[in-house]
Amino acid sequence: AHDRLAAYIVATDSQLDEVKKSGSPLRF
């Protein structure tokens, strides 16, 4: 489904412990 939309995952709940509650910078 993501491939058909050409939409790509930036983050999932799997990264919850690796980002700050207030926000962490991620680079795609």
PDB file of all heavy atoms in Angstrom:
ATOM      1  N   ALA A   1       0.845  -1.204   0.000  1.00  0.00           N
ATOM      2  CA  ALA A   1       0.000   0.000   0.000  1.00  0.00           C
ATOM      3  C   ALA A   1       0.875   1.246   0.000  1.00  0.00           C
ATOM      4  O   ALA A   1       0.618   2.193  -0.738  1.00  0.00           O
ATOM      5  CB  ALA A   1      -0.930  -0.002   1.203  1.00  0.00           C
ATOM      6  N   HIS A   2       1.918   1.254   0.813  1.00  0.00           N
ATOM      7  CA  HIS A   2       2.808   2.414   0.844  1.00  0.00           C
ATOM      8  C   HIS A   2       3.522   2.567  -0.491  1.00  0.00           C
ATOM      9  O   HIS A   2       3.709   3.671  -0.978  1.00  0.00           O
ATOM     10  CB  HIS A   2       3.843   2.283   1.968  1.00  0.00           C
ATOM     11  CG  HIS A   2       3.248   2.327   3.343  1.00  0.00           C
ATOM     12  ND1 HIS A   2       3.845   1.740   4.417  1.00  0.00           N
ATOM     13  CD2 HIS A   2       2.102   2.873   3.808  1.00  0.00           C
ATOM     14  CE1 HIS A   2       3.094   1.933   5.495  1.00  0.00           C
ATOM     15  NE2 HIS A   2       2.034   2.608   5.143  1.00  0.00           N
ATOM     16  N   ASP A   3       3.946   1.449  -1.078  1.00  0.00           N
ATOM     17  CA  ASP A   3       4.640   1.518  -2.364  1.00  0.00           C
ATOM     18  C   ASP A   3       3.755   2.108  -3.458  1.00  0.00           C
ATOM     19  O   ASP A   3       4.207   2.898  -4.269  1.00  0.00           O
ATOM     20  CB  ASP A   3       5.134   0.131  -2.786  1.00  0.00           C
ATOM     21  CG  ASP A   3       6.301  -0.351  -1.934  1.00  0.00           C
ATOM     22  OD1 ASP A   3       6.932   0.485  -1.254  1.00  0.00           O
ATOM     23  OD2 ASP A   3       6.573  -1.559  -1.947  1.00  0.00           O
ATOM     24  N   ARG A   4       2.488   1.743  -3.491  1.00  0.00           N
ATOM     25  CA  ARG A   4       1.575   2.269  -4.514  1.00  0.00           C
ATOM     26  C   ARG A   4       1.384   3.770  -4.363  1.00  0.00           C
ATOM     27  O   ARG A   4       1.175   4.480  -5.328  1.00  0.00           O
ATOM     28  CB  ARG A   4       0.225   1.548  -4.440  1.00  0.00           C
ATOM     29  CG  ARG A   4       0.236   0.166  -5.049  1.00  0.00           C
ATOM     30  CD  ARG A   4      -1.177  -0.346  -5.262  1.00  0.00           C
ATOM     31  NE  ARG A   4      -1.994  -0.301  -4.066  1.00  0.00           N
ATOM     32  CZ  ARG A   4      -2.038  -1.239  -3.124  1.00  0.00           C
ATOM     33  NH1 ARG A   4      -1.284  -2.311  -3.218  1.00  0.00           N
ATOM     34  NH2 ARG A   4      -2.837  -1.120  -2.094  1.00  0.00           N
ATOM     35  N   LEU A   5       1.437   4.260  -3.129  1.00  0.00           N
ATOM     36  CA  LEU A   5       1.256   5.687  -2.868  1.00  0.00           C
ATOM     37  C   LEU A   5       2.562   6.460  -2.996  1.00  0.00           C
ATOM     38  O   LEU A   5       2.562   7.677  -2.912  1.00  0.00           O
ATOM     39  CB  LEU A   5       0.717   5.891  -1.446  1.00  0.00           C
ATOM     40  CG  LEU A   5      -0.661   5.336  -1.148  1.00  0.00           C
ATOM     41  CD1 LEU A   5      -0.942   5.398   0.343  1.00  0.00           C
ATOM     42  CD2 LEU A   5      -1.718   6.105  -1.920  1.00  0.00           C
ATOM     43  N   ALA A   6       3.683   5.751  -3.164  1.00  0.00           N
ATOM     44  CA  ALA A   6       5.014   6.361  -3.124  1.00  0.00           C
ATOM     45  C   ALA A   6       5.181   7.117  -1.817  1.00  0.00           C
ATOM     46  O   ALA A   6       5.736   8.205  -1.765  1.00  0.00           O
ATOM     47  CB  ALA A   6       5.269   7.254  -4.332  1.00  0.00           C
ATOM     48  N   ALA A   7       4.636   6.545  -0.737  1.00  0.00           N
ATOM     49  CA  ALA A   7       4.771   7.116   0.602  1.00  0.00           C
ATOM     50  C   ALA A   7       5.680   6.199   1.412  1.00  0.00           C
ATOM     51  O   ALA A   7       5.538   4.980   1.356  1.00  0.00           O
ATOM     52  CB  ALA A   7       3.406   7.254   1.271  1.00  0.00           C
ATOM     53  N   TYR A   8       6.587   6.800   2.141  1.00  0.00           N
ATOM     54  CA  TYR A   8       7.625   6.049   2.828  1.00  0.00           C
ATOM     55  C   TYR A   8       7.566   6.315   4.326  1.00  0.00           C
ATOM     56  O   TYR A   8       7.222   7.415   4.764  1.00  0.00           O
ATOM     57  CB  TYR A   8       9.001   6.437   2.269  1.00  0.00           C
ATOM     58  CG  TYR A   8       9.082   6.188   0.785  1.00  0.00           C
ATOM     59  CD1 TYR A   8       8.783   7.198  -0.129  1.00  0.00           C
ATOM     60  CD2 TYR A   8       9.416   4.933   0.286  1.00  0.00           C
ATOM     61  CE1 TYR A   8       8.829   6.971  -1.492  1.00  0.00           C
ATOM     62  CE2 TYR A   8       9.470   4.693  -1.082  1.00  0.00           C
ATOM     63  CZ  TYR A   8       9.174   5.717  -1.961  1.00  0.00           C
ATOM     64  OH  TYR A   8       9.214   5.482  -3.319  1.00  0.00           O
ATOM     65  N   ILE A   9       7.926   5.321   5.114  1.00  0.00           N
ATOM     66  CA  ILE A   9       7.867   5.421   6.566  1.00  0.00           C
ATOM     67  C   ILE A   9       9.000   6.305   7.075  1.00  0.00           C
ATOM     68  O   ILE A   9      10.161   6.107   6.721  1.00  0.00           O
ATOM     69  CB  ILE A   9       7.942   4.032   7.206  1.00  0.00           C
ATOM     70  CG1 ILE A   9       6.746   3.173   6.771  1.00  0.00           C
ATOM     71  CG2 ILE A   9       8.003   4.144   8.733  1.00  0.00           C
ATOM     72  CD1 ILE A   9       6.864   1.707   7.156  1.00  0.00           C
ATOM     73  N   VAL A  10       8.646   7.275   7.896  1.00  0.00           N
ATOM     74  CA  VAL A  10       9.625   8.141   8.557  1.00  0.00           C
ATOM     75  C   VAL A  10       9.930   7.594   9.949  1.00  0.00           C
ATOM     76  O   VAL A  10      11.082   7.540  10.375  1.00  0.00           O
ATOM     77  CB  VAL A  10       9.102   9.590   8.664  1.00  0.00           C
ATOM     78  CG1 VAL A  10      10.049  10.458   9.486  1.00  0.00           C
ATOM     79  CG2 VAL A  10       8.884  10.184   7.286  1.00  0.00           C
ATOM     80  N   ALA A  11       8.899   7.184  10.668  1.00  0.00           N
ATOM     81  CA  ALA A  11       9.062   6.649  12.020  1.00  0.00           C
ATOM     82  C   ALA A  11       7.830   5.831  12.373  1.00  0.00           C
ATOM     83  O   ALA A  11       6.753   6.039  11.812  1.00  0.00           O
ATOM     84  CB  ALA A  11       9.255   7.773  13.025  1.00  0.00           C
ATOM     85  N   THR A  12       8.018   4.912  13.304  1.00  0.00           N
ATOM     86  CA  THR A  12       6.913   4.095  13.809  1.00  0.00           C
ATOM     87  C   THR A  12       6.975   4.089  15.337  1.00  0.00           C
ATOM     88  O   THR A  12       7.923   4.599  15.938  1.00  0.00           O
ATOM     89  CB  THR A  12       7.001   2.637  13.307  1.00  0.00           C
ATOM     90  OG1 THR A  12       8.123   2.002  13.945  1.00  0.00           O
ATOM     91  CG2 THR A  12       7.137   2.564  11.794  1.00  0.00           C
ATOM     92  N   ASP A  13       5.987   3.482  15.930  1.00  0.00           N
ATOM     93  CA  ASP A  13       5.990   3.359  17.383  1.00  0.00           C
ATOM     94  C   ASP A  13       7.222   2.609  17.889  1.00  0.00           C
ATOM     95  O   ASP A  13       7.561   2.710  19.071  1.00  0.00           O
ATOM     96  CB  ASP A  13       4.713   2.670  17.870  1.00  0.00           C
ATOM     97  CG  ASP A  13       3.513   3.611  17.905  1.00  0.00           C
ATOM     98  OD1 ASP A  13       3.706   4.836  17.823  1.00  0.00           O
ATOM     99  OD2 ASP A  13       2.383   3.108  18.022  1.00  0.00           O
ATOM    100  N   SER A  14       7.910   1.888  17.018  1.00  0.00           N
ATOM    101  CA  SER A  14       9.148   1.201  17.412  1.00  0.00           C
ATOM    102  C   SER A  14      10.232   2.183  17.852  1.00  0.00           C
ATOM    103  O   SER A  14      11.136   1.822  18.607  1.00  0.00           O
ATOM    104  CB  SER A  14       9.702   0.349  16.264  1.00  0.00           C
ATOM    105  OG  SER A  14       8.815  -0.681  15.951  1.00  0.00           O
ATOM    106  N   GLN A  15      10.169   3.422  17.375  1.00  0.00           N
ATOM    107  CA  GLN A  15      11.168   4.431  17.735  1.00  0.00           C
ATOM    108  C   GLN A  15      10.749   5.264  18.949  1.00  0.00           C
ATOM    109  O   GLN A  15      11.446   6.207  19.319  1.00  0.00           O
ATOM    110  CB  GLN A  15      11.441   5.376  16.544  1.00  0.00           C
ATOM    111  CG  GLN A  15      12.285   4.767  15.454  1.00  0.00           C
ATOM    112  CD  GLN A  15      11.530   3.761  14.625  1.00  0.00           C
ATOM    113  OE1 GLN A  15      10.433   4.018  14.176  1.00  0.00           O
ATOM    114  NE2 GLN A  15      12.117   2.593  14.448  1.00  0.00           N
ATOM    115  N   LEU A  16       9.646   4.913  19.583  1.00  0.00           N
ATOM    116  CA  LEU A  16       9.109   5.700  20.697  1.00  0.00           C
ATOM    117  C   LEU A  16      10.172   5.987  21.761  1.00  0.00           C
ATOM    118  O   LEU A  16      10.282   7.111  22.244  1.00  0.00           O
ATOM    119  CB  LEU A  16       7.922   4.961  21.326  1.00  0.00           C
ATOM    120  CG  LEU A  16       7.134   5.725  22.377  1.00  0.00           C
ATOM    121  CD1 LEU A  16       6.282   6.804  21.730  1.00  0.00           C
ATOM    122  CD2 LEU A  16       6.252   4.769  23.158  1.00  0.00           C
ATOM    123  N   ASP A  17      10.967   4.981  22.113  1.00  0.00           N
ATOM    124  CA  ASP A  17      11.976   5.151  23.166  1.00  0.00           C
ATOM    125  C   ASP A  17      13.209   5.910  22.688  1.00  0.00           C
ATOM    126  O   ASP A  17      14.082   6.235  23.491  1.00  0.00           O
ATOM    127  CB  ASP A  17      12.413   3.788  23.719  1.00  0.00           C
ATOM    128  CG  ASP A  17      11.291   3.089  24.465  1.00  0.00           C
ATOM    129  OD1 ASP A  17      10.358   3.770  24.915  1.00  0.00           O
ATOM    130  OD2 ASP A  17      11.355   1.851  24.594  1.00  0.00           O
ATOM    131  N   GLU A  18      13.296   6.169  21.386  1.00  0.00           N
ATOM    132  CA  GLU A  18      14.492   6.817  20.845  1.00  0.00           C
ATOM    133  C   GLU A  18      14.275   8.279  20.476  1.00  0.00           C
ATOM    134  O   GLU A  18      15.207   8.947  20.048  1.00  0.00           O
ATOM    135  CB  GLU A  18      14.996   6.044  19.625  1.00  0.00           C
ATOM    136  CG  GLU A  18      15.441   4.640  19.994  1.00  0.00           C
ATOM    137  CD  GLU A  18      16.209   3.977  18.887  1.00  0.00           C
ATOM    138  OE1 GLU A  18      16.849   4.690  18.093  1.00  0.00           O
ATOM    139  OE2 GLU A  18      16.175   2.750  18.823  1.00  0.00           O
ATOM    140  N   VAL A  19      13.048   8.750  20.633  1.00  0.00           N
ATOM    141  CA  VAL A  19      12.776  10.167  20.369  1.00  0.00           C
ATOM    142  C   VAL A  19      12.305  10.831  21.647  1.00  0.00           C
ATOM    143  O   VAL A  19      11.687  10.207  22.506  1.00  0.00           O
ATOM    144  CB  VAL A  19      11.729  10.370  19.236  1.00  0.00           C
ATOM    145  CG1 VAL A  19      12.242   9.831  17.911  1.00  0.00           C
ATOM    146  CG2 VAL A  19      10.398   9.773  19.586  1.00  0.00           C
ATOM    147  N   LYS A  20      12.650  12.095  21.783  1.00  0.00           N
ATOM    148  CA  LYS A  20      12.234  12.867  22.950  1.00  0.00           C
ATOM    149  C   LYS A  20      10.741  13.170  22.847  1.00  0.00           C
ATOM    150  O   LYS A  20      10.223  13.375  21.745  1.00  0.00           O
ATOM    151  CB  LYS A  20      13.008  14.181  23.012  1.00  0.00           C
ATOM    152  CG  LYS A  20      14.490  14.025  23.189  1.00  0.00           C
ATOM    153  CD  LYS A  20      15.173  15.382  23.101  1.00  0.00           C
ATOM    154  CE  LYS A  20      16.670  15.217  23.107  1.00  0.00           C
ATOM    155  NZ  LYS A  20      17.355  16.459  22.723  1.00  0.00           N
ATOM    156  N   LYS A  21      10.083  13.221  23.972  1.00  0.00           N
ATOM    157  CA  LYS A  21       8.654  13.558  23.983  1.00  0.00           C
ATOM    158  C   LYS A  21       8.423  14.894  23.293  1.00  0.00           C
ATOM    159  O   LYS A  21       7.492  15.058  22.507  1.00  0.00           O
ATOM    160  CB  LYS A  21       8.128  13.587  25.412  1.00  0.00           C
ATOM    161  CG  LYS A  21       6.640  13.790  25.496  1.00  0.00           C
ATOM    162  CD  LYS A  21       6.129  13.688  26.921  1.00  0.00           C
ATOM    163  CE  LYS A  21       4.620  13.828  26.925  1.00  0.00           C
ATOM    164  NZ  LYS A  21       4.086  13.806  28.290  1.00  0.00           N
ATOM    165  N   SER A  22       9.318  15.853  23.551  1.00  0.00           N
ATOM    166  CA  SER A  22       9.181  17.190  22.973  1.00  0.00           C
ATOM    167  C   SER A  22       9.594  17.241  21.500  1.00  0.00           C
ATOM    168  O   SER A  22       9.327  18.217  20.816  1.00  0.00           O
ATOM    169  CB  SER A  22      10.025  18.184  23.759  1.00  0.00           C
ATOM    170  OG  SER A  22      11.390  17.793  23.723  1.00  0.00           O
ATOM    171  N   GLY A  23      10.247  16.193  21.028  1.00  0.00           N
ATOM    172  CA  GLY A  23      10.621  16.120  19.615  1.00  0.00           C
ATOM    173  C   GLY A  23      12.103  15.902  19.394  1.00  0.00           C
ATOM    174  O   GLY A  23      12.931  16.491  20.098  1.00  0.00           O
ATOM    175  N   SER A  24      12.413  15.058  18.439  1.00  0.00           N
ATOM    176  CA  SER A  24      13.788  14.799  18.013  1.00  0.00           C
ATOM    177  C   SER A  24      13.876  14.983  16.510  1.00  0.00           C
ATOM    178  O   SER A  24      12.936  14.643  15.786  1.00  0.00           O
ATOM    179  CB  SER A  24      14.202  13.359  18.360  1.00  0.00           C
ATOM    180  OG  SER A  24      14.273  13.190  19.756  1.00  0.00           O
ATOM    181  N   PRO A  25      14.993  15.513  16.030  1.00  0.00           N
ATOM    182  CA  PRO A  25      15.147  15.711  14.584  1.00  0.00           C
ATOM    183  C   PRO A  25      15.495  14.397  13.878  1.00  0.00           C
ATOM    184  O   PRO A  25      16.395  13.673  14.295  1.00  0.00           O
ATOM    185  CB  PRO A  25      16.300  16.715  14.488  1.00  0.00           C
ATOM    186  CG  PRO A  25      17.117  16.461  15.717  1.00  0.00           C
ATOM    187  CD  PRO A  25      16.151  16.028  16.784  1.00  0.00           C
ATOM    188  N   LEU A  26      14.757  14.103  12.822  1.00  0.00           N
ATOM    189  CA  LEU A  26      15.021  12.939  11.976  1.00  0.00           C
ATOM    190  C   LEU A  26      15.242  13.417  10.549  1.00  0.00           C
ATOM    191  O   LEU A  26      14.542  14.316  10.086  1.00  0.00           O
ATOM    192  CB  LEU A  26      13.854  11.955  11.996  1.00  0.00           C
ATOM    193  CG  LEU A  26      13.411  11.392  13.349  1.00  0.00           C
ATOM    194  CD1 LEU A  26      12.284  10.383  13.145  1.00  0.00           C
ATOM    195  CD2 LEU A  26      14.566  10.752  14.092  1.00  0.00           C
ATOM    196  N   ARG A  27      16.199  12.828   9.854  1.00  0.00           N
ATOM    197  CA  ARG A  27      16.469  13.189   8.463  1.00  0.00           C
ATOM    198  C   ARG A  27      16.173  12.001   7.563  1.00  0.00           C
ATOM    199  O   ARG A  27      16.767  10.938   7.686  1.00  0.00           O
ATOM    200  CB  ARG A  27      17.911  13.637   8.282  1.00  0.00           C
ATOM    201  CG  ARG A  27      18.227  13.963   6.800  1.00  0.00           C
ATOM    202  CD  ARG A  27      19.513  14.728   6.654  1.00  0.00           C
ATOM    203  NE  ARG A  27      19.340  16.040   7.276  1.00  0.00           N
ATOM    204  CZ  ARG A  27      20.328  16.725   7.853  1.00  0.00           C
ATOM    205  NH1 ARG A  27      21.547  16.248   7.886  1.00  0.00           N
ATOM    206  NH2 ARG A  27      20.079  17.910   8.390  1.00  0.00           N
ATOM    207  N   PHE A  28      15.254  12.204   6.629  1.00  0.00           N
ATOM    208  CA  PHE A  28      14.889  11.210   5.618  1.00  0.00           C
ATOM    209  C   PHE A  28      15.831  11.407   4.432  1.00  0.00           C
ATOM    210  O   PHE A  28      15.976  12.520   3.931  1.00  0.00           O
ATOM    211  CB  PHE A  28      13.439  11.455   5.194  1.00  0.00           C
ATOM    212  CG  PHE A  28      12.921  10.537   4.138  1.00  0.00           C
ATOM    213  CD1 PHE A  28      12.147   9.439   4.472  1.00  0.00           C
ATOM    214  CD2 PHE A  28      13.184  10.773   2.788  1.00  0.00           C
ATOM    215  CE1 PHE A  28      11.653   8.593   3.488  1.00  0.00           C
ATOM    216  CE2 PHE A  28      12.701   9.935   1.811  1.00  0.00           C
ATOM    217  CZ  PHE A  28      11.931   8.836   2.162  1.00  0.00           C
TER     218      PHE A  28
END
